[in-house]
């Protein structure tokens, strides 16, 4: 085999390997947070049970002067068919066996048969405290406030509390 054919073969092999290569993903860096609780518990006429989930991709986290920051995406639905989907950021503060997690996430709200929050664009501010029970499992409680920051004609807001089950995959 001459040098040209050998070179062509190596280039073709290298190109084919790159074309069919699959990036290895560390699946343990994905965390799902399943939660259930009480939506707008401070309003007796509008309170409702809620269930939801949130995804965090720890591959995208960054250590900043504010601490460890990572993106989140999630949503919830209430027993009155109100729904909220969001994407934002959270800070994870390791407290040795516990994790304190404040977050902020703008999102889209649909009132369904639930509370009219005054606008489709709403902002969720949340704090969560979680107990680390193993390398892949945590249990927590969280509180959030959803508000439109006076973008709409009215801004009643909604206060909610949740119980969380967090699992890394």
Protein backbone atom coordinates (compact mmCIF):
# COMPACT_ATOMS: atom_id res chain seq x y z
CA UNK A 1 0.00 0.00 0.00
CA UNK A 2 1.52 3.30 -0.97
CA UNK A 3 1.68 6.41 1.23
CA UNK A 4 -1.22 8.23 -0.54
CA UNK A 5 -3.62 5.30 -0.09
CA UNK A 6 -2.59 4.84 3.55
CA UNK A 7 -3.05 8.57 4.23
CA UNK A 8 -6.45 8.57 2.51
CA UNK A 9 -7.50 5.50 4.53
CA UNK A 10 -6.46 7.14 7.85
CA UNK A 11 -8.24 10.40 6.99
CA UNK A 12 -11.41 8.51 5.97
CA UNK A 13 -11.31 6.41 9.15
CA UNK A 14 -10.77 9.48 11.34
CA UNK A 15 -13.60 11.37 9.61
CA UNK A 16 -16.01 8.44 9.92
CA UNK A 17 -15.14 8.02 13.60
CA UNK A 18 -15.84 11.71 14.26
CA UNK A 19 -19.11 11.58 12.30
CA UNK A 20 -20.46 8.62 14.26
CA UNK A 21 -19.03 9.49 17.66
CA UNK A 22 -21.53 9.92 20.48
CA UNK A 23 -20.74 12.27 23.33
CA UNK A 24 -20.81 10.44 26.63
CA UNK A 25 -23.21 12.12 29.06
CA UNK A 26 -22.91 11.61 32.78
CA UNK A 27 -26.54 10.86 33.55
CA UNK A 28 -26.06 11.43 37.30
CA UNK A 29 -25.88 15.16 36.56
CA UNK A 30 -29.61 15.45 35.95
CA UNK A 31 -31.84 16.12 38.91
CA UNK A 32 -35.61 15.91 38.94
CA UNK A 33 -37.57 17.57 41.71
CA UNK A 34 -41.10 16.20 42.14
CA UNK A 35 -43.28 18.30 44.41
CA UNK A 36 -46.80 18.58 45.77
CA UNK A 37 -48.34 21.18 48.00
CA UNK A 38 -50.84 23.96 48.45
CA UNK A 39 -51.13 26.75 45.84
CA UNK A 40 -52.08 30.18 47.23
CA UNK A 41 -52.60 28.88 50.76
CA UNK A 42 -53.00 32.43 52.08
CA UNK A 43 -56.27 32.99 50.11
CA UNK A 44 -59.05 30.78 51.52
CA UNK A 45 -61.23 31.22 48.40
CA UNK A 46 -58.49 30.41 45.88
CA UNK A 47 -56.22 27.86 47.56
CA UNK A 48 -55.76 24.60 45.67
CA UNK A 49 -53.63 21.48 45.69
CA UNK A 50 -50.74 21.57 43.22
CA UNK A 51 -48.36 19.00 41.76
CA UNK A 52 -45.32 19.65 39.64
CA UNK A 53 -41.78 18.85 38.60
CA UNK A 54 -38.54 20.68 37.99
CA UNK A 55 -35.42 19.66 36.05
CA UNK A 56 -31.90 20.80 36.84
CA UNK A 57 -28.96 19.96 34.56
CA UNK A 58 -25.87 20.07 36.77
CA UNK A 59 -23.66 19.95 33.66
CA UNK A 60 -24.60 23.60 33.19
CA UNK A 61 -23.89 24.81 36.73
CA UNK A 62 -21.33 27.53 37.38
CA UNK A 63 -19.46 28.63 40.46
CA UNK A 64 -19.86 32.40 40.69
CA UNK A 65 -19.37 35.09 43.30
CA UNK A 66 -23.00 34.35 44.26
CA UNK A 67 -22.27 30.66 44.82
CA UNK A 68 -23.09 27.63 42.69
CA UNK A 69 -25.71 28.70 40.11
CA UNK A 70 -27.55 26.39 37.70
CA UNK A 71 -30.49 26.64 35.28
CA UNK A 72 -33.88 25.12 36.10
CA UNK A 73 -36.96 24.34 34.04
CA UNK A 74 -40.28 23.11 35.36
CA UNK A 75 -43.96 23.54 35.83
CA UNK A 76 -46.96 22.78 37.97
CA UNK A 77 -50.70 22.34 37.68
CA UNK A 78 -53.39 22.90 40.32
CA UNK A 79 -56.60 21.04 41.04
CA UNK A 80 -58.40 24.01 39.40
CA UNK A 81 -56.52 23.51 36.11
CA UNK A 82 -54.30 26.54 36.62
CA UNK A 83 -50.85 25.87 35.15
CA UNK A 84 -47.44 27.52 35.26
CA UNK A 85 -44.34 26.66 33.21
CA UNK A 86 -41.03 28.36 33.88
CA UNK A 87 -37.31 28.50 33.33
CA UNK A 88 -34.81 30.32 35.51
CA UNK A 89 -31.85 29.90 37.84
CA UNK A 90 -31.22 28.54 41.31
CA UNK A 91 -28.39 28.85 43.81
CA UNK A 92 -27.34 25.71 45.70
CA UNK A 93 -25.81 26.43 49.10
CA UNK A 94 -24.39 23.28 50.70
CA UNK A 95 -24.82 23.43 54.47
CA UNK A 96 -23.36 20.00 55.28
CA UNK A 97 -26.19 17.46 55.06
CA UNK A 98 -28.69 20.16 54.08
CA UNK A 99 -28.95 22.29 50.97
CA UNK A 100 -30.49 25.77 50.96
CA UNK A 101 -31.75 26.67 47.47
CA UNK A 102 -33.17 30.09 46.57
CA UNK A 103 -34.37 30.46 42.97
CA UNK A 104 -35.91 32.90 40.53
CA UNK A 105 -37.84 31.88 37.41
CA UNK A 106 -40.01 33.86 34.98
CA UNK A 107 -42.73 31.83 33.32
CA UNK A 108 -46.11 31.61 31.64
CA UNK A 109 -49.30 31.25 33.70
CA UNK A 110 -52.70 29.97 32.60
CA UNK A 111 -55.45 30.51 35.16
CA UNK A 112 -57.77 27.69 34.00
CA UNK A 113 -60.56 27.62 36.62
CA UNK A 114 -58.14 28.90 39.27
CA UNK A 115 -56.93 32.27 40.45
CA UNK A 116 -56.55 35.18 38.03
CA UNK A 117 -53.03 36.49 38.67
CA UNK A 118 -53.49 39.41 36.26
CA UNK A 119 -51.03 38.57 33.48
CA UNK A 120 -49.71 35.65 31.44
CA UNK A 121 -46.08 36.53 32.38
CA UNK A 122 -45.44 35.77 36.06
CA UNK A 123 -42.28 35.57 38.16
CA UNK A 124 -41.63 32.84 40.74
CA UNK A 125 -39.33 33.48 43.70
CA UNK A 126 -38.69 30.42 45.85
CA UNK A 127 -36.68 29.14 48.78
CA UNK A 128 -36.14 25.45 49.46
CA UNK A 129 -34.44 23.53 52.26
CA UNK A 130 -33.51 19.92 51.49
CA UNK A 131 -32.11 17.07 53.55
CA UNK A 132 -29.57 14.93 51.66
CA UNK A 133 -30.48 11.29 52.43
CA UNK A 134 -28.05 9.72 49.91
CA UNK A 135 -25.81 10.66 46.98
CA UNK A 136 -28.82 10.62 44.65
CA UNK A 137 -31.84 11.38 46.86
CA UNK A 138 -33.00 14.38 48.91
CA UNK A 139 -36.22 15.42 50.62
CA UNK A 140 -37.22 19.03 51.13
CA UNK A 141 -39.77 21.72 51.80
CA UNK A 142 -40.16 24.88 49.78
CA UNK A 143 -42.10 28.14 49.71
CA UNK A 144 -42.69 30.33 46.66
CA UNK A 145 -44.39 33.53 45.64
CA UNK A 146 -45.71 33.99 42.09
CA UNK A 147 -46.35 37.57 40.98
CA UNK A 148 -46.45 39.61 37.76
CA UNK A 149 -44.47 42.58 39.18
CA UNK A 150 -47.43 44.87 38.34
CA UNK A 151 -47.27 44.14 34.60
CA UNK A 152 -51.01 43.49 34.53
CA UNK A 153 -54.04 45.51 35.60
CA UNK A 154 -53.94 43.64 38.89
CA UNK A 155 -51.24 41.81 40.80
CA UNK A 156 -52.71 39.68 43.61
CA UNK A 157 -49.82 37.20 43.70
CA UNK A 158 -49.96 33.68 45.08
CA UNK A 159 -48.07 32.09 47.99
CA UNK A 160 -47.48 28.34 47.95
CA UNK A 161 -45.72 25.68 49.97
CA UNK A 162 -44.56 22.31 48.70
CA UNK A 163 -43.00 19.05 49.84
CA UNK A 164 -40.18 17.96 47.53
CA UNK A 165 -38.60 14.68 46.45
CA UNK A 166 -35.34 15.25 44.57
CA UNK A 167 -33.65 12.47 42.60
CA UNK A 168 -30.40 12.60 40.60
CA UNK A 169 -30.26 10.46 37.46
